Amino acid sequence: MPDWIGWVATATFASSYFSKQPATLRRIQALAALLWMTYGVMIHAMPVIVANVVVAAMALVSSFPKTGDRRDVS
């Protein structure tokens, strides 16, 4: 069962490059990282878990405009 989650995570991450909006790309990549994190939990691989927690957090935080930032990030 873990294998299919890894494959779905890979497909999700790869599909993010079809996004035209940077914020959407990052959110899709955050979803892929969460899937990879789930995969890491299932196979008991702490490096996979930690790396993808960091990636998901960074992708999500960077996908939203900073407070007071008037630029359109999306």
Protein backbone atom coordinates (compact mmCIF):
# COMPACT_ATOMS: atom_id res chain seq x y z
CA MET A 1 0.00 0.00 0.00
CA PRO A 2 2.75 2.56 0.71
CA ASP A 3 4.00 2.27 -2.86
CA TRP A 4 0.87 3.76 -4.39
CA ILE A 5 1.06 6.76 -2.04
CA GLY A 6 4.62 7.36 -3.19
CA TRP A 7 3.54 7.19 -6.82
CA VAL A 8 0.61 9.55 -6.22
CA ALA A 9 2.97 11.97 -4.43
CA THR A 10 5.34 11.84 -7.40
CA ALA A 11 2.53 12.47 -9.89
CA THR A 12 1.14 15.31 -7.76
CA PHE A 13 4.52 17.01 -7.52
CA ALA A 14 5.17 16.61 -11.25
CA SER A 15 1.73 18.00 -12.12
CA SER A 16 2.46 21.15 -10.12
CA TYR A 17 4.70 22.34 -12.97
CA PHE A 18 1.64 22.72 -15.19
CA SER A 19 0.37 25.48 -12.89
CA LYS A 20 0.63 29.00 -14.30
CA GLN A 21 0.30 30.70 -10.90
CA PRO A 22 3.28 30.51 -8.51
CA ALA A 23 1.04 30.31 -5.43
CA THR A 24 -0.92 27.42 -6.91
CA LEU A 25 2.31 25.62 -7.82
CA ARG A 26 3.52 25.91 -4.23
CA ARG A 27 0.22 24.69 -2.79
CA ILE A 28 0.22 21.65 -5.05
CA GLN A 29 3.83 20.99 -4.05
CA ALA A 30 2.80 21.28 -0.38
CA LEU A 31 0.10 18.66 -0.99
CA ALA A 32 2.68 16.40 -2.63
CA ALA A 33 4.99 16.88 0.36
CA LEU A 34 2.16 15.88 2.70
CA LEU A 35 1.65 12.74 0.63
CA TRP A 36 5.39 12.03 0.79
CA MET A 37 5.26 12.59 4.54
CA THR A 38 2.45 10.03 4.78
CA TYR A 39 4.57 7.64 2.74
CA GLY A 40 7.48 8.23 5.12
CA VAL A 41 5.29 7.46 8.12
CA MET A 42 4.08 4.24 6.52
CA ILE A 43 7.60 3.01 5.78
CA HIS A 44 9.02 4.37 9.07
CA ALA A 45 11.55 6.65 7.35
CA MET A 46 12.26 9.63 9.60
CA PRO A 47 14.40 11.50 6.99
CA VAL A 48 11.50 11.36 4.50
CA ILE A 49 9.07 12.58 7.15
CA VAL A 50 11.21 15.47 8.39
CA ALA A 51 12.27 16.63 4.93
CA ASN A 52 8.70 16.76 3.72
CA VAL A 53 7.38 18.50 6.83
CA VAL A 54 9.92 21.25 6.09
CA VAL A 55 9.05 21.35 2.38
CA ALA A 56 5.28 21.43 3.02
CA ALA A 57 5.62 24.21 5.59
CA MET A 58 7.85 26.33 3.35
CA ALA A 59 5.64 25.79 0.32
CA LEU A 60 2.48 26.74 2.21
CA VAL A 61 3.98 29.79 3.92
CA SER A 62 5.45 31.08 0.67
CA SER A 63 2.18 30.60 -1.21
CA PHE A 64 0.37 33.29 0.76
CA PRO A 65 1.12 37.03 0.56
CA LYS A 66 2.91 38.54 3.50
CA THR A 67 0.92 40.88 5.73
CA GLY A 68 1.15 44.36 4.26
CA ASP A 69 2.50 43.10 0.95
CA ARG A 70 0.50 44.75 -1.82
CA ARG A 71 1.87 42.58 -4.61
CA ASP A 72 -0.37 39.88 -6.00
CA VAL A 73 1.52 36.66 -5.29
CA SER A 74 -0.81 34.41 -7.27
